[in-house]
Amino acid sequence: MAAKIKKGDKVVVLAGRDRGRNGEVIRMLPTEQRALVRGVNMVRRHQKQSAQSEGGIISKEAPIHLSNLAIADPKDGKATRVGFKFLDDGRKVRFAKRSGDLIDG
């Protein structure tokens, strides 16, 4: 199955404490069906001091399940479903079912 959400996509959170927030996917975890979204699902973690970083309590993104995410429509930024179609030159691209706009350039 082709991936409907990819790294770099703008997404909208559909469920959970961050419902309604927008963000960019910074990392995909396909085996766990989860994604890291910038600024969404923030958790505070205790970090031990090391040579590269100082210790203390840091905030970082936790993975969020793909079922709680939807692609943001390129036209109006609202949540949309994703469809696939083939262009005349043979490329398979994703498009927003809400507006019909292409998601892939």
C-alpha atoms as a PDB file:
ATOM      1  CA  MET A   1       0.000   0.000   0.000  1.00  0.00           C
ATOM      2  CA  ALA A   2       1.306   3.434  -0.871  1.00  0.00           C
ATOM      3  CA  ALA A   3       1.861   5.817   2.043  1.00  0.00           C
ATOM      4  CA  LYS A   4      -0.836   8.465   2.355  1.00  0.00           C
ATOM      5  CA  ILE A   5       1.234  10.550   4.807  1.00  0.00           C
ATOM      6  CA  LYS A   6       4.927  11.210   4.214  1.00  0.00           C
ATOM      7  CA  LYS A   7       7.761  13.128   5.840  1.00  0.00           C
ATOM      8  CA  GLY A   8       7.412  16.859   5.164  1.00  0.00           C
ATOM      9  CA  ASP A   9       3.603  16.794   4.796  1.00  0.00           C
ATOM     10  CA  LYS A  10       1.444  19.382   6.535  1.00  0.00           C
ATOM     11  CA  VAL A  11      -1.065  17.540   8.729  1.00  0.00           C
ATOM     12  CA  VAL A  12      -4.013  18.291  11.035  1.00  0.00           C
ATOM     13  CA  VAL A  13      -4.509  16.410  14.321  1.00  0.00           C
ATOM     14  CA  LEU A  14      -7.998  14.843  14.464  1.00  0.00           C
ATOM     15  CA  ALA A  15      -8.069  13.409  17.988  1.00  0.00           C
ATOM     16  CA  GLY A  16      -6.379  13.693  21.364  1.00  0.00           C
ATOM     17  CA  ARG A  17      -5.319  16.626  23.491  1.00  0.00           C
ATOM     18  CA  ASP A  18      -3.824  18.430  20.456  1.00  0.00           C
ATOM     19  CA  ARG A  19      -6.975  18.126  18.310  1.00  0.00           C
ATOM     20  CA  GLY A  20      -7.171  20.893  15.708  1.00  0.00           C
ATOM     21  CA  ARG A  21      -3.448  21.705  15.782  1.00  0.00           C
ATOM     22  CA  ASN A  22      -1.424  21.790  12.562  1.00  0.00           C
ATOM     23  CA  GLY A  23       2.154  20.705  12.065  1.00  0.00           C
ATOM     24  CA  GLU A  24       4.732  19.243   9.723  1.00  0.00           C
ATOM     25  CA  VAL A  25       5.689  15.574   9.789  1.00  0.00           C
ATOM     26  CA  ILE A  26       9.358  15.393  10.782  1.00  0.00           C
ATOM     27  CA  ARG A  27       9.697  11.600  10.966  1.00  0.00           C
ATOM     28  CA  MET A  28       7.629   8.575   9.976  1.00  0.00           C
ATOM     29  CA  LEU A  29       7.601   5.307  11.935  1.00  0.00           C
ATOM     30  CA  PRO A  30       5.805   3.025   9.430  1.00  0.00           C
ATOM     31  CA  THR A  31       6.235  -0.237  11.359  1.00  0.00           C
ATOM     32  CA  GLU A  32       4.470   1.317  14.371  1.00  0.00           C
ATOM     33  CA  GLN A  33       2.001   3.285  12.179  1.00  0.00           C
ATOM     34  CA  ARG A  34       3.048   6.495  13.929  1.00  0.00           C
ATOM     35  CA  ALA A  35       4.550   9.851  13.007  1.00  0.00           C
ATOM     36  CA  LEU A  36       6.464  12.636  14.749  1.00  0.00           C
ATOM     37  CA  VAL A  37       4.802  16.007  14.104  1.00  0.00           C
ATOM     38  CA  ARG A  38       6.597  19.276  14.896  1.00  0.00           C
ATOM     39  CA  GLY A  39       5.082  20.958  17.961  1.00  0.00           C
ATOM     40  CA  VAL A  40       2.365  18.319  18.494  1.00  0.00           C
ATOM     41  CA  ASN A  41       2.040  15.751  21.326  1.00  0.00           C
ATOM     42  CA  MET A  42       4.806  17.387  23.365  1.00  0.00           C
ATOM     43  CA  VAL A  43       6.059  15.431  26.399  1.00  0.00           C
ATOM     44  CA  ARG A  44       8.564  16.358  29.101  1.00  0.00           C
ATOM     45  CA  ARG A  45      11.452  13.957  29.655  1.00  0.00           C
ATOM     46  CA  HIS A  46      14.279  13.867  32.184  1.00  0.00           C
ATOM     47  CA  GLN A  47      17.602  13.810  30.348  1.00  0.00           C
ATOM     48  CA  LYS A  48      20.925  12.812  31.844  1.00  0.00           C
ATOM     49  CA  GLN A  49      23.837  15.153  31.215  1.00  0.00           C
ATOM     50  CA  SER A  50      26.255  14.127  28.466  1.00  0.00           C
ATOM     51  CA  ALA A  51      29.162  15.667  26.576  1.00  0.00           C
ATOM     52  CA  GLN A  52      26.826  16.907  23.810  1.00  0.00           C
ATOM     53  CA  SER A  53      23.848  18.081  25.868  1.00  0.00           C
ATOM     54  CA  GLU A  54      23.203  19.318  29.354  1.00  0.00           C
ATOM     55  CA  GLY A  55      20.897  17.495  31.722  1.00  0.00           C
ATOM     56  CA  GLY A  56      17.486  18.562  32.939  1.00  0.00           C
ATOM     57  CA  ILE A  57      13.854  18.303  31.906  1.00  0.00           C
ATOM     58  CA  ILE A  58      13.416  18.756  28.163  1.00  0.00           C
ATOM     59  CA  SER A  59      10.291  18.931  25.987  1.00  0.00           C
ATOM     60  CA  LYS A  60      10.164  16.880  22.819  1.00  0.00           C
ATOM     61  CA  GLU A  61       7.617  15.457  20.399  1.00  0.00           C
ATOM     62  CA  ALA A  62       6.203  11.994  21.023  1.00  0.00           C
ATOM     63  CA  PRO A  63       4.924   9.832  18.149  1.00  0.00           C
ATOM     64  CA  ILE A  64       1.219  10.127  17.324  1.00  0.00           C
ATOM     65  CA  HIS A  65      -0.817   7.388  15.638  1.00  0.00           C
ATOM     66  CA  LEU A  66      -1.560   7.869  11.938  1.00  0.00           C
ATOM     67  CA  SER A  67      -5.292   7.330  12.529  1.00  0.00           C
ATOM     68  CA  ASN A  68      -5.304  10.607  14.486  1.00  0.00           C
ATOM     69  CA  LEU A  69      -3.753  12.579  11.611  1.00  0.00           C
ATOM     70  CA  ALA A  70      -5.116  13.864   8.306  1.00  0.00           C
ATOM     71  CA  ILE A  71      -3.394  15.672   5.464  1.00  0.00           C
ATOM     72  CA  ALA A  72      -4.059  19.425   5.396  1.00  0.00           C
ATOM     73  CA  ASP A  73      -5.707  20.496   2.129  1.00  0.00           C
ATOM     74  CA  PRO A  74      -3.219  22.611   0.113  1.00  0.00           C
ATOM     75  CA  LYS A  75      -6.048  25.048  -0.753  1.00  0.00           C
ATOM     76  CA  ASP A  76      -7.585  25.877   2.653  1.00  0.00           C
ATOM     77  CA  GLY A  77      -5.549  23.968   5.265  1.00  0.00           C
ATOM     78  CA  LYS A  78      -8.484  21.877   6.514  1.00  0.00           C
ATOM     79  CA  ALA A  79      -8.332  18.109   6.973  1.00  0.00           C
ATOM     80  CA  THR A  80      -8.839  16.059   3.828  1.00  0.00           C
ATOM     81  CA  ARG A  81      -8.714  12.479   2.678  1.00  0.00           C
ATOM     82  CA  VAL A  82      -6.086  11.410   0.176  1.00  0.00           C
ATOM     83  CA  GLY A  83      -6.601   9.819  -3.227  1.00  0.00           C
ATOM     84  CA  PHE A  84      -4.164   8.527  -5.823  1.00  0.00           C
ATOM     85  CA  LYS A  85      -4.188   9.040  -9.565  1.00  0.00           C
ATOM     86  CA  PHE A  86      -1.847   8.667 -12.503  1.00  0.00           C
ATOM     87  CA  LEU A  87      -0.854  11.730 -14.528  1.00  0.00           C
ATOM     88  CA  ASP A  88      -0.504  11.720 -18.313  1.00  0.00           C
ATOM     89  CA  ASP A  89       3.279  11.255 -18.001  1.00  0.00           C
ATOM     90  CA  GLY A  90       2.728   8.078 -15.939  1.00  0.00           C
ATOM     91  CA  ARG A  91       3.570   9.467 -12.480  1.00  0.00           C
ATOM     92  CA  LYS A  92       1.436   8.302  -9.547  1.00  0.00           C
ATOM     93  CA  VAL A  93       0.538  11.310  -7.374  1.00  0.00           C
ATOM     94  CA  ARG A  94      -1.545  12.010  -4.274  1.00  0.00           C
ATOM     95  CA  PHE A  95      -4.426  14.470  -4.434  1.00  0.00           C
ATOM     96  CA  ALA A  96      -6.744  16.027  -1.848  1.00  0.00           C
ATOM     97  CA  LYS A  97     -10.254  14.606  -2.194  1.00  0.00           C
ATOM     98  CA  ARG A  98     -11.685  17.796  -0.624  1.00  0.00           C
ATOM     99  CA  SER A  99     -10.471  20.218  -3.318  1.00  0.00           C
ATOM    100  CA  GLY A 100      -8.924  18.003  -5.994  1.00  0.00           C
ATOM    101  CA  ASP A 101      -5.546  19.774  -5.680  1.00  0.00           C
ATOM    102  CA  LEU A 102      -2.358  17.759  -6.030  1.00  0.00           C
ATOM    103  CA  ILE A 103      -0.420  17.169  -2.806  1.00  0.00           C
ATOM    104  CA  ASP A 104       2.751  15.999  -4.571  1.00  0.00           C
ATOM    105  CA  GLY A 105       4.401  18.683  -6.680  1.00  0.00           C
END
